[in-house]
Protein backbone atom coordinates (compact mmCIF):
# COMPACT_ATOMS: atom_id res chain seq x y z
CA UNK A 1 28.66 -2.61 -16.78
CA UNK A 2 28.50 0.56 -18.86
CA UNK A 3 26.38 3.50 -17.73
CA UNK A 4 24.05 3.04 -20.72
CA UNK A 5 23.43 -0.58 -19.66
CA UNK A 6 22.79 0.43 -16.05
CA UNK A 7 20.27 3.06 -17.13
CA UNK A 8 18.64 0.61 -19.55
CA UNK A 9 18.32 -2.06 -16.86
CA UNK A 10 16.76 0.41 -14.44
CA UNK A 11 14.25 1.56 -17.07
CA UNK A 12 13.36 -2.06 -17.95
CA UNK A 13 12.91 -2.97 -14.26
CA UNK A 14 10.77 0.10 -13.62
CA UNK A 15 8.70 -0.62 -16.75
CA UNK A 16 8.13 -4.20 -15.63
CA UNK A 17 7.22 -3.07 -12.10
CA UNK A 18 4.56 -0.88 -13.68
CA UNK A 19 3.28 -3.77 -15.82
CA UNK A 20 3.92 -2.00 -19.12
CA UNK A 21 5.10 -3.41 -22.41
CA UNK A 22 7.77 -1.62 -24.41
CA UNK A 23 5.05 -0.52 -26.86
CA UNK A 24 2.92 0.95 -24.04
CA UNK A 25 5.91 2.89 -22.68
CA UNK A 26 6.77 4.07 -26.20
CA UNK A 27 3.19 5.28 -26.74
CA UNK A 28 3.15 7.15 -23.42
CA UNK A 29 6.48 8.85 -24.07
CA UNK A 30 5.98 9.60 -27.81
CA UNK A 31 8.92 7.36 -28.76
CA UNK A 32 9.23 4.21 -30.81
CA UNK A 33 9.23 0.69 -29.43
CA UNK A 34 12.59 0.18 -31.16
CA UNK A 35 14.12 3.16 -29.34
CA UNK A 36 12.82 1.91 -25.95
CA UNK A 37 14.30 -1.53 -26.75
CA UNK A 38 17.69 -0.02 -27.66
CA UNK A 39 17.72 2.08 -24.46
CA UNK A 40 16.80 -0.92 -22.28
CA UNK A 41 19.59 -3.01 -23.84
CA UNK A 42 22.14 -0.21 -23.38
CA UNK A 43 22.68 0.25 -27.15
CA UNK A 44 21.79 3.94 -27.05
CA UNK A 45 21.63 6.68 -24.45
CA UNK A 46 18.66 9.04 -24.47
CA UNK A 47 19.12 12.76 -23.98
CA UNK A 48 18.48 14.05 -20.47
CA UNK A 49 15.12 15.48 -21.57
CA UNK A 50 14.06 12.20 -23.17
CA UNK A 51 15.23 10.21 -20.15
CA UNK A 52 13.25 12.52 -17.88
CA UNK A 53 10.15 11.98 -20.04
CA UNK A 54 10.56 8.19 -19.96
CA UNK A 55 11.06 8.15 -16.20
CA UNK A 56 8.07 10.47 -15.67
CA UNK A 57 5.91 8.10 -17.78
CA UNK A 58 7.01 5.35 -15.39
CA UNK A 59 5.81 7.34 -12.38
CA UNK A 60 9.20 8.44 -11.09
CA UNK A 61 11.60 11.37 -11.41
CA UNK A 62 15.29 11.83 -12.15
CA UNK A 63 16.28 12.29 -8.49
CA UNK A 64 14.65 9.03 -7.37
CA UNK A 65 15.81 7.19 -10.49
CA UNK A 66 19.45 8.00 -9.83
CA UNK A 67 19.27 7.62 -6.07
CA UNK A 68 21.52 4.64 -5.41
CA UNK A 69 21.11 4.71 -1.64
CA UNK A 70 21.04 1.31 -0.14
CA UNK A 71 17.90 0.22 1.63
CA UNK A 72 17.57 2.17 4.86
CA UNK A 73 18.58 0.46 8.05
CA UNK A 74 15.53 -1.05 9.73
CA UNK A 75 16.95 -2.89 12.74
CA UNK A 76 19.35 -1.20 15.15
CA UNK A 77 21.58 -3.21 17.43
CA UNK A 78 23.08 -2.03 20.73
CA UNK A 79 26.42 -1.34 19.02
CA UNK A 80 24.64 1.06 16.61
CA UNK A 81 23.41 3.24 19.46
CA UNK A 82 25.10 6.29 20.91
CA UNK A 83 24.88 7.33 24.54
CA UNK A 84 25.82 10.29 26.66
CA UNK A 85 26.22 10.16 30.43
CA UNK A 86 26.09 13.43 32.37
CA UNK A 87 27.96 14.37 35.58
CA UNK A 88 25.15 12.98 37.76
CA UNK A 89 25.26 9.59 36.02
CA UNK A 90 22.07 10.07 34.00
CA UNK A 91 22.21 8.50 30.58
CA UNK A 92 20.57 9.38 27.28
CA UNK A 93 20.83 6.61 24.71
CA UNK A 94 19.95 7.41 21.10
CA UNK A 95 18.28 4.21 19.89
CA UNK A 96 18.31 5.28 16.23
CA UNK A 97 21.55 7.25 15.77
CA UNK A 98 20.48 8.76 12.44
CA UNK A 99 17.04 9.85 13.68
CA UNK A 100 17.74 13.57 13.17
CA UNK A 101 16.86 13.06 9.51
CA UNK A 102 13.59 11.30 10.40
CA UNK A 103 10.27 12.60 11.66
CA UNK A 104 10.64 11.18 15.15
CA UNK A 105 13.49 10.40 17.50
CA UNK A 106 13.39 7.61 20.08
CA UNK A 107 15.75 7.71 23.05
CA UNK A 108 16.14 5.73 26.24
CA UNK A 109 16.55 7.96 29.30
CA UNK A 110 18.01 6.51 32.49
CA UNK A 111 17.79 8.79 35.52
CA UNK A 112 19.63 8.19 38.77
CA UNK A 113 17.47 8.48 41.93
CA UNK A 114 16.30 12.09 42.53
CA UNK A 115 18.19 13.31 39.42
CA UNK A 116 16.60 15.06 36.47
CA UNK A 117 16.98 16.14 32.90
CA UNK A 118 17.39 19.88 32.29
CA UNK A 119 14.26 21.83 31.38
CA UNK A 120 13.45 21.75 27.69
CA UNK A 121 12.06 25.03 26.36
CA UNK A 122 8.74 25.06 24.50
CA UNK A 123 9.16 23.95 20.91
CA UNK A 124 7.22 22.62 17.97
CA UNK A 125 6.22 19.01 18.04
CA UNK A 126 4.98 16.32 20.35
CA UNK A 127 6.60 13.97 22.83
CA UNK A 128 5.71 10.53 24.11
CA UNK A 129 7.20 8.57 26.98
CA UNK A 130 6.77 5.12 28.44
CA UNK A 131 8.16 4.34 31.90
CA UNK A 132 10.03 1.04 31.76
CA UNK A 133 11.44 1.07 35.32
CA UNK A 134 10.92 3.16 38.44
CA UNK A 135 8.83 6.31 38.49
CA UNK A 136 9.27 9.85 37.22
CA UNK A 137 7.96 13.31 37.82
CA UNK A 138 7.02 15.01 34.58
CA UNK A 139 7.21 18.79 34.89
CA UNK A 140 5.00 20.31 32.21
CA UNK A 141 4.52 24.04 32.46
CA UNK A 142 3.46 24.77 36.05
CA UNK A 143 2.13 21.26 36.69
CA UNK A 144 3.86 18.13 37.92
CA UNK A 145 2.65 14.67 36.91
CA UNK A 146 3.77 11.33 38.34
CA UNK A 147 4.27 8.40 35.96
CA UNK A 148 5.19 4.95 37.25
CA UNK A 149 6.40 1.75 35.62
CA UNK A 150 3.94 0.85 32.87
CA UNK A 151 2.54 4.38 32.58
CA UNK A 152 2.95 6.51 29.50
CA UNK A 153 2.70 10.21 28.79
CA UNK A 154 2.02 12.25 25.68
CA UNK A 155 1.95 15.99 25.13
CA UNK A 156 2.41 18.81 22.69
CA UNK A 157 5.73 20.44 23.61
CA UNK A 158 4.23 23.93 23.92
CA UNK A 159 5.37 24.43 27.53
CA UNK A 160 8.73 23.96 29.21
CA UNK A 161 9.15 20.41 30.44
CA UNK A 162 11.54 17.97 32.07
CA UNK A 163 11.73 14.57 33.73
CA UNK A 164 12.96 13.74 37.21
CA UNK A 165 13.40 10.34 38.86
CA UNK A 166 10.72 10.26 41.55
CA UNK A 167 11.63 7.23 43.64
CA UNK A 168 14.58 5.72 45.43
CA UNK A 169 15.47 3.65 42.40
CA UNK A 170 16.75 4.44 38.95
CA UNK A 171 14.08 5.33 36.37
CA UNK A 172 14.12 4.29 32.71
CA UNK A 173 11.90 5.95 30.15
CA UNK A 174 11.50 5.27 26.45
CA UNK A 175 11.02 8.78 25.07
CA UNK A 176 10.01 9.67 21.52
CA UNK A 177 9.89 13.21 20.18
CA UNK A 178 8.70 14.56 16.89
CA UNK A 179 10.35 16.33 15.25
CA UNK A 180 13.71 15.20 16.63
CA UNK A 181 14.94 17.57 19.31
CA UNK A 182 17.51 15.75 21.44
């Protein structure tokens, strides 16, 4: 399919999504219905300025119009994840491997008995955790909090903080930070 046809199809689809007729789009963009028809059928290519006007009248912009990214991944399988195991056997598993570009980052932290994560310095953002197995000590500033299986924690990351496995068993915590910081 020629580029003119691809552009025309996209304009027609966007026009239809907005519930507009060719005449209504022509009126909004100070063009003729015949010109809109020719563009939609790929018979003519509008100038960049005219294309930008048409797209703006359809509630979009050039960047979004030409963004051919596939739909973003919604479901992540175990094979999509990335994990890092430290010398003590603690594991951090990135559940959404591309989360650095998102507003939040979920990870699964597995701590060996009596082991801990290194202190995280104060930073912008907030963090949430849910204890799936075992129990943890949450060091937040000068205070220590205990969270057991089924407990959750939430804080603004304005003080240094870390997790430590508190019991004799391994601890697993679903941890979400915003913005991504792991």
